[in-house]
């Protein structure tokens, strides 16, 4: 068995994902060019690449379709489950404008706190320098410096004890909706792809481990299909396990930026994806292969023109 065949088999057995030979060959070659790796390290680095590129670039499709008894097409996945990629997240129970307002307020509040902290730090530094100069010039007792220093240290401690992640303060019209990370929470709808086919998935009951800020490009493992008739829409539930990943092509497609585009507003507050909501779950369907250096072996544009809906 060749090295390529071995790695391809390992990824398939652990994640039920069939990698493309050409992509895997280039990936292995690029990783080796960066230094020597043991077999296990090489497998880990390849898996990390899978998480951080689009599935359309690295793997073959894994979803098939057949007609049900009513003649309606329904998706079929392997009984072991399937690895999918999140290509869109929306909350169909909350208006786009409301979400935009809440995120905008949260971003502006964060910037305001940072600016206040910067000013306070500058003032504290100025006082410390003045006190230190007094000590050097022997114009005052050295105790003056010690007292000022202790006061500034105490103030700094009190400032850091505050809540810097202050939630957006909701207005009356949002009070009836629950909040997650300061954002109104209704009913989520996801678009998931195996790199070729896109599935719509709807949340009927609250799924606690996902939210509207789930970064696009995140890999998830679907253990079992739960379809809602008559259109055979996928129902979101605990069969969906969040794995992780952060493809570079999605870096600027944050929720805020997407809302700006939808509402025709300028994108100027959140230029890159800085979300900390990526959850990494390791179970029998995923390998412990996250946290390695990302090797960028492709420059892939986000183009779904060939995807079947």
C-alpha atoms as a PDB file:
ATOM      1  CA  UNK A   1       0.000   0.000   0.000  1.00  0.00           C
ATOM      2  CA  UNK A   2       1.415   3.380  -1.012  1.00  0.00           C
ATOM      3  CA  UNK A   3       1.645   6.342   1.344  1.00  0.00           C
ATOM      4  CA  UNK A   4      -1.140   8.112  -0.508  1.00  0.00           C
ATOM      5  CA  UNK A   5      -3.401   5.066  -0.311  1.00  0.00           C
ATOM      6  CA  UNK A   6      -2.672   4.635   3.406  1.00  0.00           C
ATOM      7  CA  UNK A   7      -3.539   8.232   4.312  1.00  0.00           C
ATOM      8  CA  UNK A   8      -6.606   8.179   2.099  1.00  0.00           C
ATOM      9  CA  UNK A   9      -7.788   5.024   3.834  1.00  0.00           C
ATOM     10  CA  UNK A  10      -7.156   6.441   7.337  1.00  0.00           C
ATOM     11  CA  UNK A  11      -9.168   9.595   6.591  1.00  0.00           C
ATOM     12  CA  UNK A  12     -11.985   7.561   5.070  1.00  0.00           C
ATOM     13  CA  UNK A  13     -12.216   5.074   7.930  1.00  0.00           C
ATOM     14  CA  UNK A  14     -12.266   7.774  10.615  1.00  0.00           C
ATOM     15  CA  UNK A  15     -14.391  10.397   8.875  1.00  0.00           C
ATOM     16  CA  UNK A  16     -16.119   8.595   6.000  1.00  0.00           C
ATOM     17  CA  UNK A  17     -14.578  11.094   3.585  1.00  0.00           C
ATOM     18  CA  UNK A  18     -13.023  10.117   0.254  1.00  0.00           C
ATOM     19  CA  UNK A  19     -10.191  12.484  -0.639  1.00  0.00           C
ATOM     20  CA  UNK A  20      -9.293  13.363  -4.205  1.00  0.00           C
ATOM     21  CA  UNK A  21      -6.038  11.708  -5.285  1.00  0.00           C
ATOM     22  CA  UNK A  22      -4.657  14.786  -7.026  1.00  0.00           C
ATOM     23  CA  UNK A  23      -5.357  17.071  -4.058  1.00  0.00           C
ATOM     24  CA  UNK A  24      -3.951  14.575  -1.566  1.00  0.00           C
ATOM     25  CA  UNK A  25      -0.794  14.108  -3.623  1.00  0.00           C
ATOM     26  CA  UNK A  26      -0.138  17.863  -3.727  1.00  0.00           C
ATOM     27  CA  UNK A  27      -0.955  18.190  -0.035  1.00  0.00           C
ATOM     28  CA  UNK A  28       1.502  15.467   0.996  1.00  0.00           C
ATOM     29  CA  UNK A  29       4.203  16.927  -1.235  1.00  0.00           C
ATOM     30  CA  UNK A  30       3.786  20.436   0.197  1.00  0.00           C
ATOM     31  CA  UNK A  31       3.827  19.165   3.790  1.00  0.00           C
ATOM     32  CA  UNK A  32       7.020  17.200   3.145  1.00  0.00           C
ATOM     33  CA  UNK A  33       8.646  20.252   1.582  1.00  0.00           C
ATOM     34  CA  UNK A  34       8.247  21.970   4.947  1.00  0.00           C
ATOM     35  CA  UNK A  35      10.080  19.320   6.916  1.00  0.00           C
ATOM     36  CA  UNK A  36      10.079  15.694   7.922  1.00  0.00           C
ATOM     37  CA  UNK A  37       7.042  14.133   9.578  1.00  0.00           C
ATOM     38  CA  UNK A  38       6.261  10.754  11.068  1.00  0.00           C
ATOM     39  CA  UNK A  39       3.372   8.782   9.591  1.00  0.00           C
ATOM     40  CA  UNK A  40       1.031   9.939  12.356  1.00  0.00           C
ATOM     41  CA  UNK A  41       2.143  13.563  12.033  1.00  0.00           C
ATOM     42  CA  UNK A  42       1.600  13.440   8.283  1.00  0.00           C
ATOM     43  CA  UNK A  43      -1.917  12.095   8.776  1.00  0.00           C
ATOM     44  CA  UNK A  44      -2.649  14.852  11.295  1.00  0.00           C
ATOM     45  CA  UNK A  45      -1.393  17.588   8.979  1.00  0.00           C
ATOM     46  CA  UNK A  46      -3.404  16.253   6.050  1.00  0.00           C
ATOM     47  CA  UNK A  47      -6.530  16.162   8.209  1.00  0.00           C
ATOM     48  CA  UNK A  48      -5.881  19.721   9.332  1.00  0.00           C
ATOM     49  CA  UNK A  49      -5.758  20.721   5.674  1.00  0.00           C
ATOM     50  CA  UNK A  50      -9.101  19.043   5.070  1.00  0.00           C
ATOM     51  CA  UNK A  51     -10.628  21.161   7.833  1.00  0.00           C
ATOM     52  CA  UNK A  52      -9.185  24.367   6.424  1.00  0.00           C
ATOM     53  CA  UNK A  53     -10.058  24.094   2.734  1.00  0.00           C
ATOM     54  CA  UNK A  54     -13.380  23.727   0.953  1.00  0.00           C
ATOM     55  CA  UNK A  55     -14.643  20.167   0.607  1.00  0.00           C
ATOM     56  CA  UNK A  56     -15.164  20.804  -3.110  1.00  0.00           C
ATOM     57  CA  UNK A  57     -11.385  21.157  -3.455  1.00  0.00           C
ATOM     58  CA  UNK A  58     -10.236  18.128  -1.486  1.00  0.00           C
ATOM     59  CA  UNK A  59     -12.942  15.437  -1.492  1.00  0.00           C
ATOM     60  CA  UNK A  60     -15.400  13.565  -3.657  1.00  0.00           C
ATOM     61  CA  UNK A  61     -19.169  13.977  -3.113  1.00  0.00           C
ATOM     62  CA  UNK A  62     -20.734  11.704  -0.506  1.00  0.00           C
ATOM     63  CA  UNK A  63     -24.462  12.533  -0.748  1.00  0.00           C
ATOM     64  CA  UNK A  64     -26.748  10.636  -3.109  1.00  0.00           C
ATOM     65  CA  UNK A  65     -30.445  10.993  -3.869  1.00  0.00           C
ATOM     66  CA  UNK A  66     -33.415   8.713  -4.423  1.00  0.00           C
ATOM     67  CA  UNK A  67     -37.156   9.255  -4.706  1.00  0.00           C
ATOM     68  CA  UNK A  68     -39.424   8.457  -1.785  1.00  0.00           C
ATOM     69  CA  UNK A  69     -42.847   6.793  -2.053  1.00  0.00           C
ATOM     70  CA  UNK A  70     -44.359  10.126  -3.131  1.00  0.00           C
ATOM     71  CA  UNK A  71     -41.805  10.657  -5.846  1.00  0.00           C
ATOM     72  CA  UNK A  72     -40.042  13.430  -3.929  1.00  0.00           C
ATOM     73  CA  UNK A  73     -36.256  13.382  -4.087  1.00  0.00           C
ATOM     74  CA  UNK A  74     -34.579  12.744  -0.740  1.00  0.00           C
ATOM     75  CA  UNK A  75     -30.881  12.715   0.229  1.00  0.00           C
ATOM     76  CA  UNK A  76     -29.106   9.512   1.181  1.00  0.00           C
ATOM     77  CA  UNK A  77     -25.937   9.440   3.282  1.00  0.00           C
ATOM     78  CA  UNK A  78     -23.705   6.518   4.319  1.00  0.00           C
ATOM     79  CA  UNK A  79     -24.864   4.737   7.465  1.00  0.00           C
ATOM     80  CA  UNK A  80     -21.595   5.738   9.180  1.00  0.00           C
ATOM     81  CA  UNK A  81     -22.454   9.419   8.718  1.00  0.00           C
ATOM     82  CA  UNK A  82     -20.984  12.144   6.532  1.00  0.00           C
ATOM     83  CA  UNK A  83     -18.658  15.137   6.863  1.00  0.00           C
ATOM     84  CA  UNK A  84     -20.238  18.372   5.609  1.00  0.00           C
ATOM     85  CA  UNK A  85     -19.308  22.033   5.342  1.00  0.00           C
ATOM     86  CA  UNK A  86     -21.389  24.998   6.503  1.00  0.00           C
ATOM     87  CA  UNK A  87     -21.897  27.422   3.602  1.00  0.00           C
ATOM     88  CA  UNK A  88     -24.579  29.615   5.158  1.00  0.00           C
ATOM     89  CA  UNK A  89     -26.236  30.248   8.521  1.00  0.00           C
ATOM     90  CA  UNK A  90     -29.289  32.422   9.051  1.00  0.00           C
ATOM     91  CA  UNK A  91     -31.909  32.999  11.723  1.00  0.00           C
ATOM     92  CA  UNK A  92     -35.311  32.887  10.048  1.00  0.00           C
ATOM     93  CA  UNK A  93     -36.987  33.940  13.307  1.00  0.00           C
ATOM     94  CA  UNK A  94     -35.161  37.286  13.587  1.00  0.00           C
ATOM     95  CA  UNK A  95     -35.040  40.089  11.034  1.00  0.00           C
ATOM     96  CA  UNK A  96     -31.736  40.831   9.332  1.00  0.00           C
ATOM     97  CA  UNK A  97     -31.955  44.470  10.409  1.00  0.00           C
ATOM     98  CA  UNK A  98     -32.394  43.558  14.076  1.00  0.00           C
ATOM     99  CA  UNK A  99     -29.340  41.279  14.008  1.00  0.00           C
ATOM    100  CA  UNK A 100     -27.340  43.951  12.189  1.00  0.00           C
ATOM    101  CA  UNK A 101     -28.243  46.553  14.816  1.00  0.00           C
ATOM    102  CA  UNK A 102     -27.313  44.239  17.683  1.00  0.00           C
ATOM    103  CA  UNK A 103     -23.948  43.249  16.209  1.00  0.00           C
ATOM    104  CA  UNK A 104     -23.150  46.856  15.267  1.00  0.00           C
ATOM    105  CA  UNK A 105     -23.879  47.978  18.833  1.00  0.00           C
ATOM    106  CA  UNK A 106     -21.728  45.171  20.234  1.00  0.00           C
ATOM    107  CA  UNK A 107     -18.796  46.070  17.971  1.00  0.00           C
ATOM    108  CA  UNK A 108     -19.074  49.774  18.801  1.00  0.00           C
ATOM    109  CA  UNK A 109     -19.264  49.004  22.530  1.00  0.00           C
ATOM    110  CA  UNK A 110     -16.100  46.920  22.266  1.00  0.00           C
ATOM    111  CA  UNK A 111     -14.307  49.739  20.426  1.00  0.00           C
ATOM    112  CA  UNK A 112     -15.490  52.256  23.031  1.00  0.00           C
ATOM    113  CA  UNK A 113     -14.122  50.133  25.887  1.00  0.00           C
ATOM    114  CA  UNK A 114     -10.799  49.717  24.073  1.00  0.00           C
ATOM    115  CA  UNK A 115     -10.519  53.483  23.526  1.00  0.00           C
ATOM    116  CA  UNK A 116     -11.298  54.226  27.182  1.00  0.00           C
ATOM    117  CA  UNK A 117      -8.730  51.661  28.275  1.00  0.00           C
ATOM    118  CA  UNK A 118      -6.115  53.212  25.972  1.00  0.00           C
ATOM    119  CA  UNK A 119      -6.731  56.706  27.382  1.00  0.00           C
ATOM    120  CA  UNK A 120      -6.590  55.426  30.960  1.00  0.00           C
ATOM    121  CA  UNK A 121      -3.336  53.594  30.267  1.00  0.00           C
ATOM    122  CA  UNK A 122      -1.811  56.739  28.755  1.00  0.00           C
ATOM    123  CA  UNK A 123      -2.840  58.783  31.797  1.00  0.00           C
ATOM    124  CA  UNK A 124      -1.438  56.174  34.176  1.00  0.00           C
ATOM    125  CA  UNK A 125       1.852  56.022  32.280  1.00  0.00           C
ATOM    126  CA  UNK A 126       2.145  59.818  32.381  1.00  0.00           C
ATOM    127  CA  UNK A 127       1.621  59.889  36.161  1.00  0.00           C
ATOM    128  CA  UNK A 128       4.170  57.135  36.708  1.00  0.00           C
ATOM    129  CA  UNK A 129       6.753  58.908  34.557  1.00  0.00           C
ATOM    130  CA  UNK A 130       6.200  62.193  36.410  1.00  0.00           C
ATOM    131  CA  UNK A 131       6.584  60.482  39.777  1.00  0.00           C
ATOM    132  CA  UNK A 132       9.702  58.682  38.598  1.00  0.00           C
ATOM    133  CA  UNK A 133      11.202  61.973  37.419  1.00  0.00           C
ATOM    134  CA  UNK A 134      10.526  63.490  40.839  1.00  0.00           C
ATOM    135  CA  UNK A 135      12.415  60.644  42.438  1.00  0.00           C
ATOM    136  CA  UNK A 136      15.375  61.109  40.089  1.00  0.00           C
ATOM    137  CA  UNK A 137      15.495  64.841  40.780  1.00  0.00           C
ATOM    138  CA  UNK A 138      15.174  64.276  44.536  1.00  0.00           C
ATOM    139  CA  UNK A 139      12.490  66.932  44.576  1.00  0.00           C
ATOM    140  CA  UNK A 140      10.129  64.768  46.571  1.00  0.00           C
ATOM    141  CA  UNK A 141      10.351  61.835  48.901  1.00  0.00           C
ATOM    142  CA  UNK A 142      10.530  58.498  47.048  1.00  0.00           C
ATOM    143  CA  UNK A 143       7.384  57.454  48.878  1.00  0.00           C
ATOM    144  CA  UNK A 144       5.444  59.646  46.445  1.00  0.00           C
ATOM    145  CA  UNK A 145       6.357  57.345  43.605  1.00  0.00           C
ATOM    146  CA  UNK A 146       5.475  54.232  45.593  1.00  0.00           C
ATOM    147  CA  UNK A 147       2.050  55.627  46.512  1.00  0.00           C
ATOM    148  CA  UNK A 148       1.228  56.600  42.928  1.00  0.00           C
ATOM    149  CA  UNK A 149       2.449  53.252  41.636  1.00  0.00           C
ATOM    150  CA  UNK A 150       0.303  51.343  44.123  1.00  0.00           C
ATOM    151  CA  UNK A 151      -2.719  53.476  43.229  1.00  0.00           C
ATOM    152  CA  UNK A 152      -2.303  52.867  39.493  1.00  0.00           C
ATOM    153  CA  UNK A 153      -1.802  49.130  39.978  1.00  0.00           C
ATOM    154  CA  UNK A 154      -4.992  48.992  42.053  1.00  0.00           C
ATOM    155  CA  UNK A 155      -6.904  50.966  39.424  1.00  0.00           C
ATOM    156  CA  UNK A 156      -5.661  48.682  36.668  1.00  0.00           C
ATOM    157  CA  UNK A 157      -6.782  45.644  38.666  1.00  0.00           C
ATOM    158  CA  UNK A 158     -10.250  47.113  39.153  1.00  0.00           C
ATOM    159  CA  UNK A 159     -10.543  47.937  35.449  1.00  0.00           C
ATOM    160  CA  UNK A 160      -9.685  44.424  34.352  1.00  0.00           C
ATOM    161  CA  UNK A 161     -12.230  43.034  36.777  1.00  0.00           C
ATOM    162  CA  UNK A 162     -15.067  44.629  34.830  1.00  0.00           C
ATOM    163  CA  UNK A 163     -17.066  42.876  32.159  1.00  0.00           C
ATOM    164  CA  UNK A 164     -15.410  43.800  28.865  1.00  0.00           C
ATOM    165  CA  UNK A 165     -17.745  41.482  26.967  1.00  0.00           C
ATOM    166  CA  UNK A 166     -20.809  43.480  27.831  1.00  0.00           C
ATOM    167  CA  UNK A 167     -23.838  42.201  26.000  1.00  0.00           C
ATOM    168  CA  UNK A 168     -25.782  44.482  23.766  1.00  0.00           C
ATOM    169  CA  UNK A 169     -28.544  46.085  25.822  1.00  0.00           C
ATOM    170  CA  UNK A 170     -31.769  45.116  24.125  1.00  0.00           C
ATOM    171  CA  UNK A 171     -34.635  47.485  23.484  1.00  0.00           C
ATOM    172  CA  UNK A 172     -38.230  46.688  24.390  1.00  0.00           C
ATOM    173  CA  UNK A 173     -38.990  45.190  20.989  1.00  0.00           C
ATOM    174  CA  UNK A 174     -36.350  42.458  21.457  1.00  0.00           C
ATOM    175  CA  UNK A 175     -37.242  41.437  25.000  1.00  0.00           C
ATOM    176  CA  UNK A 176     -39.549  38.609  23.914  1.00  0.00           C
ATOM    177  CA  UNK A 177     -36.700  36.802  22.148  1.00  0.00           C
ATOM    178  CA  UNK A 178     -34.048  34.865  24.009  1.00  0.00           C
ATOM    179  CA  UNK A 179     -30.439  36.014  23.609  1.00  0.00           C
ATOM    180  CA  UNK A 180     -27.253  34.130  22.710  1.00  0.00           C
ATOM    181  CA  UNK A 181     -23.998  36.101  22.953  1.00  0.00           C
ATOM    182  CA  UNK A 182     -26.081  39.258  23.076  1.00  0.00           C
ATOM    183  CA  UNK A 183     -27.977  38.467  19.858  1.00  0.00           C
ATOM    184  CA  UNK A 184     -31.666  37.694  19.485  1.00  0.00           C
ATOM    185  CA  UNK A 185     -32.230  33.972  18.934  1.00  0.00           C
ATOM    186  CA  UNK A 186     -35.102  32.597  16.859  1.00  0.00           C
ATOM    187  CA  UNK A 187     -34.946  29.571  14.549  1.00  0.00           C
ATOM    188  CA  UNK A 188     -31.774  28.700  12.634  1.00  0.00           C
ATOM    189  CA  UNK A 189     -31.497  27.558   9.048  1.00  0.00           C
ATOM    190  CA  UNK A 190     -28.223  26.147   7.688  1.00  0.00           C
ATOM    191  CA  UNK A 191     -26.976  25.310   4.226  1.00  0.00           C
ATOM    192  CA  UNK A 192     -24.625  22.321   4.288  1.00  0.00           C
ATOM    193  CA  UNK A 193     -22.598  20.878   1.430  1.00  0.00           C
ATOM    194  CA  UNK A 194     -20.467  17.849   0.667  1.00  0.00           C
ATOM    195  CA  UNK A 195     -18.681  19.953  -1.941  1.00  0.00           C
ATOM    196  CA  UNK A 196     -21.197  19.220  -4.673  1.00  0.00           C
ATOM    197  CA  UNK A 197     -24.729  19.134  -3.279  1.00  0.00           C
ATOM    198  CA  UNK A 198     -26.253  21.674  -0.892  1.00  0.00           C
ATOM    199  CA  UNK A 199     -28.738  20.572   1.783  1.00  0.00           C
ATOM    200  CA  UNK A 200     -31.120  22.899   3.602  1.00  0.00           C
ATOM    201  CA  UNK A 201     -31.372  22.186   7.323  1.00  0.00           C
ATOM    202  CA  UNK A 202     -33.905  23.758   9.680  1.00  0.00           C
ATOM    203  CA  UNK A 203     -34.022  23.931  13.464  1.00  0.00           C
ATOM    204  CA  UNK A 204     -37.376  22.859  14.948  1.00  0.00           C
ATOM    205  CA  UNK A 205     -36.135  22.656  18.540  1.00  0.00           C
ATOM    206  CA  UNK A 206     -33.238  24.624  19.992  1.00  0.00           C
ATOM    207  CA  UNK A 207     -29.838  23.035  19.274  1.00  0.00           C
ATOM    208  CA  UNK A 208     -27.593  24.432  21.987  1.00  0.00           C
ATOM    209  CA  UNK A 209     -24.200  23.809  20.355  1.00  0.00           C
ATOM    210  CA  UNK A 210     -24.809  25.959  17.255  1.00  0.00           C
ATOM    211  CA  UNK A 211     -25.746  29.615  16.853  1.00  0.00           C
ATOM    212  CA  UNK A 212     -26.169  32.196  14.114  1.00  0.00           C
ATOM    213  CA  UNK A 213     -22.492  33.228  14.360  1.00  0.00           C
ATOM    214  CA  UNK A 214     -21.212  29.759  13.474  1.00  0.00           C
ATOM    215  CA  UNK A 215     -18.396  30.629  11.003  1.00  0.00           C
ATOM    216  CA  UNK A 216     -18.910  29.680   7.378  1.00  0.00           C
ATOM    217  CA  UNK A 217     -16.588  26.882   6.308  1.00  0.00           C
ATOM    218  CA  UNK A 218     -16.930  25.054   9.629  1.00  0.00           C
ATOM    219  CA  UNK A 219     -16.909  21.285   9.165  1.00  0.00           C
ATOM    220  CA  UNK A 220     -19.693  19.308  10.815  1.00  0.00           C
ATOM    221  CA  UNK A 221     -20.345  15.583  11.030  1.00  0.00           C
ATOM    222  CA  UNK A 222     -23.897  14.426  10.360  1.00  0.00           C
ATOM    223  CA  UNK A 223     -24.452  11.095  12.084  1.00  0.00           C
ATOM    224  CA  UNK A 224     -27.954  10.438  10.815  1.00  0.00           C
ATOM    225  CA  UNK A 225     -30.558  12.036   8.558  1.00  0.00           C
ATOM    226  CA  UNK A 226     -33.764  13.306  10.125  1.00  0.00           C
ATOM    227  CA  UNK A 227     -35.948  14.516   7.256  1.00  0.00           C
ATOM    228  CA  UNK A 228     -39.086  16.630   7.463  1.00  0.00           C
ATOM    229  CA  UNK A 229     -41.773  15.627   4.918  1.00  0.00           C
ATOM    230  CA  UNK A 230     -43.150  16.368   2.422  1.00  0.00           C
ATOM    231  CA  UNK A 231     -40.125  18.261   1.011  1.00  0.00           C
ATOM    232  CA  UNK A 232     -37.557  16.118   2.878  1.00  0.00           C
ATOM    233  CA  UNK A 233     -35.818  19.067   4.527  1.00  0.00           C
ATOM    234  CA  UNK A 234     -33.074  18.107   6.966  1.00  0.00           C
ATOM    235  CA  UNK A 235     -33.964  18.743  10.617  1.00  0.00           C
ATOM    236  CA  UNK A 236     -31.162  20.085  12.817  1.00  0.00           C
ATOM    237  CA  UNK A 237     -30.703  18.108  16.015  1.00  0.00           C
ATOM    238  CA  UNK A 238     -27.988  16.508  18.136  1.00  0.00           C
ATOM    239  CA  UNK A 239     -27.045  14.226  15.228  1.00  0.00           C
ATOM    240  CA  UNK A 240     -25.085  17.213  13.903  1.00  0.00           C
ATOM    241  CA  UNK A 241     -21.646  17.401  15.551  1.00  0.00           C
ATOM    242  CA  UNK A 242     -19.492  20.516  15.086  1.00  0.00           C
ATOM    243  CA  UNK A 243     -15.886  19.585  14.194  1.00  0.00           C
ATOM    244  CA  UNK A 244     -14.170  22.882  13.327  1.00  0.00           C
ATOM    245  CA  UNK A 245     -12.058  24.385  10.566  1.00  0.00           C
ATOM    246  CA  UNK A 246     -11.599  27.831   9.061  1.00  0.00           C
ATOM    247  CA  UNK A 247     -11.025  27.977   5.281  1.00  0.00           C
ATOM    248  CA  UNK A 248      -9.347  31.224   4.240  1.00  0.00           C
ATOM    249  CA  UNK A 249     -11.894  31.886   1.483  1.00  0.00           C
ATOM    250  CA  UNK A 250     -14.565  32.501   4.157  1.00  0.00           C
ATOM    251  CA  UNK A 251     -12.447  34.825   6.326  1.00  0.00           C
ATOM    252  CA  UNK A 252     -14.369  38.009   5.458  1.00  0.00           C
ATOM    253  CA  UNK A 253     -17.799  36.385   5.320  1.00  0.00           C
ATOM    254  CA  UNK A 254     -18.681  37.098   8.937  1.00  0.00           C
ATOM    255  CA  UNK A 255     -22.314  37.356   9.958  1.00  0.00           C
ATOM    256  CA  UNK A 256     -22.023  41.133  10.259  1.00  0.00           C
ATOM    257  CA  UNK A 257     -20.470  41.534   6.813  1.00  0.00           C
ATOM    258  CA  UNK A 258     -23.082  39.258   5.234  1.00  0.00           C
ATOM    259  CA  UNK A 259     -25.859  41.286   6.860  1.00  0.00           C
ATOM    260  CA  UNK A 260     -24.279  44.503   5.569  1.00  0.00           C
ATOM    261  CA  UNK A 261     -24.385  43.141   2.026  1.00  0.00           C
ATOM    262  CA  UNK A 262     -27.991  41.964   2.383  1.00  0.00           C
ATOM    263  CA  UNK A 263     -29.078  45.339   3.750  1.00  0.00           C
ATOM    264  CA  UNK A 264     -27.017  47.379   1.282  1.00  0.00           C
ATOM    265  CA  UNK A 265     -24.816  48.885   3.989  1.00  0.00           C
ATOM    266  CA  UNK A 266     -21.040  49.511   3.875  1.00  0.00           C
ATOM    267  CA  UNK A 267     -18.803  46.836   5.342  1.00  0.00           C
ATOM    268  CA  UNK A 268     -16.416  48.711   7.601  1.00  0.00           C
ATOM    269  CA  UNK A 269     -16.555  47.420  11.178  1.00  0.00           C
ATOM    270  CA  UNK A 270     -15.583  43.761  11.021  1.00  0.00           C
ATOM    271  CA  UNK A 271     -13.236  43.095   8.067  1.00  0.00           C
ATOM    272  CA  UNK A 272     -12.176  39.591   9.071  1.00  0.00           C
ATOM    273  CA  UNK A 273     -13.620  36.559  10.802  1.00  0.00           C
ATOM    274  CA  UNK A 274     -12.517  36.878  14.426  1.00  0.00           C
ATOM    275  CA  UNK A 275     -15.203  34.651  15.894  1.00  0.00           C
ATOM    276  CA  UNK A 276     -14.261  32.490  18.870  1.00  0.00           C
ATOM    277  CA  UNK A 277     -17.309  30.283  18.463  1.00  0.00           C
ATOM    278  CA  UNK A 278     -15.627  27.450  16.646  1.00  0.00           C
ATOM    279  CA  UNK A 279     -16.187  24.318  18.692  1.00  0.00           C
ATOM    280  CA  UNK A 280     -13.924  21.307  18.307  1.00  0.00           C
ATOM    281  CA  UNK A 281     -15.503  17.968  19.120  1.00  0.00           C
ATOM    282  CA  UNK A 282     -13.621  14.703  19.040  1.00  0.00           C
ATOM    283  CA  UNK A 283     -15.501  11.429  18.942  1.00  0.00           C
ATOM    284  CA  UNK A 284     -15.366   8.137  17.080  1.00  0.00           C
ATOM    285  CA  UNK A 285     -16.180   9.949  13.866  1.00  0.00           C
ATOM    286  CA  UNK A 286     -13.326  12.439  14.003  1.00  0.00           C
ATOM    287  CA  UNK A 287      -9.592  12.290  14.502  1.00  0.00           C
ATOM    288  CA  UNK A 288      -7.588  14.184  17.090  1.00  0.00           C
ATOM    289  CA  UNK A 289      -5.855  16.161  14.384  1.00  0.00           C
ATOM    290  CA  UNK A 290      -6.477  19.816  15.042  1.00  0.00           C
ATOM    291  CA  UNK A 291      -4.053  22.586  15.887  1.00  0.00           C
ATOM    292  CA  UNK A 292      -1.299  21.912  13.364  1.00  0.00           C
ATOM    293  CA  UNK A 293       0.197  24.521  11.042  1.00  0.00           C
ATOM    294  CA  UNK A 294      -2.030  25.263   8.073  1.00  0.00           C
ATOM    295  CA  UNK A 295      -0.354  24.735   4.719  1.00  0.00           C
ATOM    296  CA  UNK A 296      -2.153  26.780   2.083  1.00  0.00           C
ATOM    297  CA  UNK A 297      -1.915  24.673  -1.053  1.00  0.00           C
ATOM    298  CA  UNK A 298      -4.689  26.327  -3.024  1.00  0.00           C
ATOM    299  CA  UNK A 299      -6.273  29.669  -3.735  1.00  0.00           C
ATOM    300  CA  UNK A 300      -9.904  28.748  -4.068  1.00  0.00           C
ATOM    301  CA  UNK A 301     -12.616  31.243  -4.927  1.00  0.00           C
ATOM    302  CA  UNK A 302     -16.017  30.715  -3.363  1.00  0.00           C
ATOM    303  CA  UNK A 303     -17.935  29.601  -6.432  1.00  0.00           C
ATOM    304  CA  UNK A 304     -21.049  27.464  -6.094  1.00  0.00           C
ATOM    305  CA  UNK A 305     -22.144  27.806  -9.702  1.00  0.00           C
ATOM    306  CA  UNK A 306     -21.748  24.068 -10.308  1.00  0.00           C
ATOM    307  CA  UNK A 307     -23.497  22.978  -7.121  1.00  0.00           C
ATOM    308  CA  UNK A 308     -26.862  21.251  -7.397  1.00  0.00           C
ATOM    309  CA  UNK A 309     -29.607  22.703  -5.197  1.00  0.00           C
END
